[in-house]
């Protein structure tokens, strides 16, 4: 198996977002704007939750892939690069999850 990463997927989303919306699902979502992209992300999240609750590992794997793809599309539309999300995750993992959550509640 190759070492395919979210950064690789982000590059694909970026490249496909520049194609014609008639030829690329990614370009179609990006050109439709954030409401459409976010709605699709929400649909995929619900499908992933349903697969998890059903303990359907195969479908959860499929839906998780859809969820990650659509999250990257939403980030693309918002102009937020993946490295910003990864930096936030790195910041959060430097402390206890309970401490991090408490710091958000006090601000």
C-alpha atoms as a PDB file:
ATOM      1  CA  UNK A   1       0.000   0.000   0.000  1.00  0.00           C
ATOM      2  CA  UNK A   2       1.288   3.458  -0.851  1.00  0.00           C
ATOM      3  CA  UNK A   3       1.821   6.236   1.663  1.00  0.00           C
ATOM      4  CA  UNK A   4      -1.102   8.365   0.461  1.00  0.00           C
ATOM      5  CA  UNK A   5      -1.670  11.291   2.834  1.00  0.00           C
ATOM      6  CA  UNK A   6      -4.245  13.980   3.471  1.00  0.00           C
ATOM      7  CA  UNK A   7      -1.704  16.421   2.029  1.00  0.00           C
ATOM      8  CA  UNK A   8      -1.781  14.387  -1.200  1.00  0.00           C
ATOM      9  CA  UNK A   9      -5.571  14.567  -1.214  1.00  0.00           C
ATOM     10  CA  UNK A  10      -5.444  18.309  -0.570  1.00  0.00           C
ATOM     11  CA  UNK A  11      -3.272  18.718  -3.695  1.00  0.00           C
ATOM     12  CA  UNK A  12      -5.778  16.694  -5.735  1.00  0.00           C
ATOM     13  CA  UNK A  13      -8.684  18.786  -4.419  1.00  0.00           C
ATOM     14  CA  UNK A  14      -6.773  21.956  -5.307  1.00  0.00           C
ATOM     15  CA  UNK A  15      -5.993  20.760  -8.837  1.00  0.00           C
ATOM     16  CA  UNK A  16      -9.513  19.507  -9.510  1.00  0.00           C
ATOM     17  CA  UNK A  17     -11.092  22.672  -8.120  1.00  0.00           C
ATOM     18  CA  UNK A  18      -9.567  24.528 -11.076  1.00  0.00           C
ATOM     19  CA  UNK A  19     -11.256  22.295 -13.670  1.00  0.00           C
ATOM     20  CA  UNK A  20     -14.583  22.961 -15.328  1.00  0.00           C
ATOM     21  CA  UNK A  21     -17.562  22.330 -13.022  1.00  0.00           C
ATOM     22  CA  UNK A  22     -19.018  20.314 -15.908  1.00  0.00           C
ATOM     23  CA  UNK A  23     -16.066  17.914 -15.748  1.00  0.00           C
ATOM     24  CA  UNK A  24     -15.194  17.710 -12.050  1.00  0.00           C
ATOM     25  CA  UNK A  25     -17.307  17.035  -8.956  1.00  0.00           C
ATOM     26  CA  UNK A  26     -14.733  18.946  -6.906  1.00  0.00           C
ATOM     27  CA  UNK A  27     -14.935  21.975  -9.194  1.00  0.00           C
ATOM     28  CA  UNK A  28     -18.727  21.793  -9.099  1.00  0.00           C
ATOM     29  CA  UNK A  29     -18.767  21.827  -5.288  1.00  0.00           C
ATOM     30  CA  UNK A  30     -16.214  24.637  -5.062  1.00  0.00           C
ATOM     31  CA  UNK A  31     -18.030  26.772  -7.635  1.00  0.00           C
ATOM     32  CA  UNK A  32     -21.354  26.235  -5.822  1.00  0.00           C
ATOM     33  CA  UNK A  33     -19.871  27.835  -2.721  1.00  0.00           C
ATOM     34  CA  UNK A  34     -19.702  27.045   0.941  1.00  0.00           C
ATOM     35  CA  UNK A  35     -23.398  26.312   1.583  1.00  0.00           C
ATOM     36  CA  UNK A  36     -23.377  23.433  -0.934  1.00  0.00           C
ATOM     37  CA  UNK A  37     -19.954  22.142   0.117  1.00  0.00           C
ATOM     38  CA  UNK A  38     -20.834  22.302   3.819  1.00  0.00           C
ATOM     39  CA  UNK A  39     -24.193  20.609   3.252  1.00  0.00           C
ATOM     40  CA  UNK A  40     -22.442  17.743   1.487  1.00  0.00           C
ATOM     41  CA  UNK A  41     -19.915  17.513   4.342  1.00  0.00           C
ATOM     42  CA  UNK A  42     -22.799  17.260   6.798  1.00  0.00           C
ATOM     43  CA  UNK A  43     -24.466  14.516   4.769  1.00  0.00           C
ATOM     44  CA  UNK A  44     -21.240  12.524   4.702  1.00  0.00           C
ATOM     45  CA  UNK A  45     -20.757  13.014   8.453  1.00  0.00           C
ATOM     46  CA  UNK A  46     -24.239  11.629   9.123  1.00  0.00           C
ATOM     47  CA  UNK A  47     -23.554   8.643   6.860  1.00  0.00           C
ATOM     48  CA  UNK A  48     -20.294   7.958   8.723  1.00  0.00           C
ATOM     49  CA  UNK A  49     -22.078   8.149  12.079  1.00  0.00           C
ATOM     50  CA  UNK A  50     -24.769   5.755  10.878  1.00  0.00           C
ATOM     51  CA  UNK A  51     -22.139   3.280   9.674  1.00  0.00           C
ATOM     52  CA  UNK A  52     -20.327   3.528  13.018  1.00  0.00           C
ATOM     53  CA  UNK A  53     -23.513   2.920  14.990  1.00  0.00           C
ATOM     54  CA  UNK A  54     -24.325  -0.059  12.759  1.00  0.00           C
ATOM     55  CA  UNK A  55     -20.810  -1.395  13.401  1.00  0.00           C
ATOM     56  CA  UNK A  56     -20.386  -1.664   9.616  1.00  0.00           C
ATOM     57  CA  UNK A  57     -16.612  -1.464   9.268  1.00  0.00           C
ATOM     58  CA  UNK A  58     -16.556  -1.627   5.477  1.00  0.00           C
ATOM     59  CA  UNK A  59     -19.130   1.124   5.045  1.00  0.00           C
ATOM     60  CA  UNK A  60     -17.543   3.224   7.798  1.00  0.00           C
ATOM     61  CA  UNK A  61     -14.228   3.060   5.947  1.00  0.00           C
ATOM     62  CA  UNK A  62     -15.962   4.180   2.735  1.00  0.00           C
ATOM     63  CA  UNK A  63     -17.876   6.982   4.465  1.00  0.00           C
ATOM     64  CA  UNK A  64     -14.801   8.139   6.389  1.00  0.00           C
ATOM     65  CA  UNK A  65     -12.994   8.572   3.065  1.00  0.00           C
ATOM     66  CA  UNK A  66     -15.938  10.615   1.751  1.00  0.00           C
ATOM     67  CA  UNK A  67     -15.939  12.672   4.942  1.00  0.00           C
ATOM     68  CA  UNK A  68     -12.234  13.491   4.720  1.00  0.00           C
ATOM     69  CA  UNK A  69     -12.543  14.426   1.042  1.00  0.00           C
ATOM     70  CA  UNK A  70     -15.530  16.704   1.645  1.00  0.00           C
ATOM     71  CA  UNK A  71     -13.825  18.301   4.662  1.00  0.00           C
ATOM     72  CA  UNK A  72     -10.884  19.206   2.430  1.00  0.00           C
ATOM     73  CA  UNK A  73     -13.297  20.718  -0.107  1.00  0.00           C
ATOM     74  CA  UNK A  74     -14.912  22.841   2.629  1.00  0.00           C
ATOM     75  CA  UNK A  75     -11.469  23.943   3.812  1.00  0.00           C
ATOM     76  CA  UNK A  76     -10.532  24.803   0.207  1.00  0.00           C
ATOM     77  CA  UNK A  77     -13.633  26.976  -0.208  1.00  0.00           C
ATOM     78  CA  UNK A  78     -12.877  28.679   3.123  1.00  0.00           C
ATOM     79  CA  UNK A  79      -9.263  29.297   2.118  1.00  0.00           C
ATOM     80  CA  UNK A  80      -7.928  27.301   5.072  1.00  0.00           C
ATOM     81  CA  UNK A  81      -4.929  25.132   4.196  1.00  0.00           C
ATOM     82  CA  UNK A  82      -4.614  21.682   5.727  1.00  0.00           C
ATOM     83  CA  UNK A  83      -1.376  22.695   7.445  1.00  0.00           C
ATOM     84  CA  UNK A  84      -3.373  25.180   9.561  1.00  0.00           C
ATOM     85  CA  UNK A  85      -5.632  22.385  10.799  1.00  0.00           C
ATOM     86  CA  UNK A  86      -2.629  20.153  11.435  1.00  0.00           C
ATOM     87  CA  UNK A  87      -0.923  22.953  13.395  1.00  0.00           C
ATOM     88  CA  UNK A  88      -4.041  23.296  15.548  1.00  0.00           C
ATOM     89  CA  UNK A  89      -4.065  19.544  16.175  1.00  0.00           C
ATOM     90  CA  UNK A  90      -0.397  19.681  17.098  1.00  0.00           C
ATOM     91  CA  UNK A  91      -1.080  22.541  19.516  1.00  0.00           C
ATOM     92  CA  UNK A  92      -3.906  20.598  21.140  1.00  0.00           C
ATOM     93  CA  UNK A  93      -1.933  17.395  21.519  1.00  0.00           C
ATOM     94  CA  UNK A  94       0.740  19.274  23.458  1.00  0.00           C
ATOM     95  CA  UNK A  95      -1.665  19.300  26.421  1.00  0.00           C
ATOM     96  CA  UNK A  96      -4.298  17.118  28.011  1.00  0.00           C
ATOM     97  CA  UNK A  97      -7.615  17.028  26.179  1.00  0.00           C
ATOM     98  CA  UNK A  98      -9.421  17.985  29.384  1.00  0.00           C
ATOM     99  CA  UNK A  99      -7.114  20.975  29.904  1.00  0.00           C
ATOM    100  CA  UNK A 100      -7.588  22.064  26.289  1.00  0.00           C
ATOM    101  CA  UNK A 101     -11.374  21.807  26.579  1.00  0.00           C
ATOM    102  CA  UNK A 102     -11.389  23.797  29.831  1.00  0.00           C
ATOM    103  CA  UNK A 103      -9.319  26.548  28.207  1.00  0.00           C
ATOM    104  CA  UNK A 104     -11.900  26.877  25.425  1.00  0.00           C
ATOM    105  CA  UNK A 105     -14.774  27.117  27.908  1.00  0.00           C
ATOM    106  CA  UNK A 106     -13.113  29.928  29.866  1.00  0.00           C
ATOM    107  CA  UNK A 107     -12.454  32.098  26.810  1.00  0.00           C
END
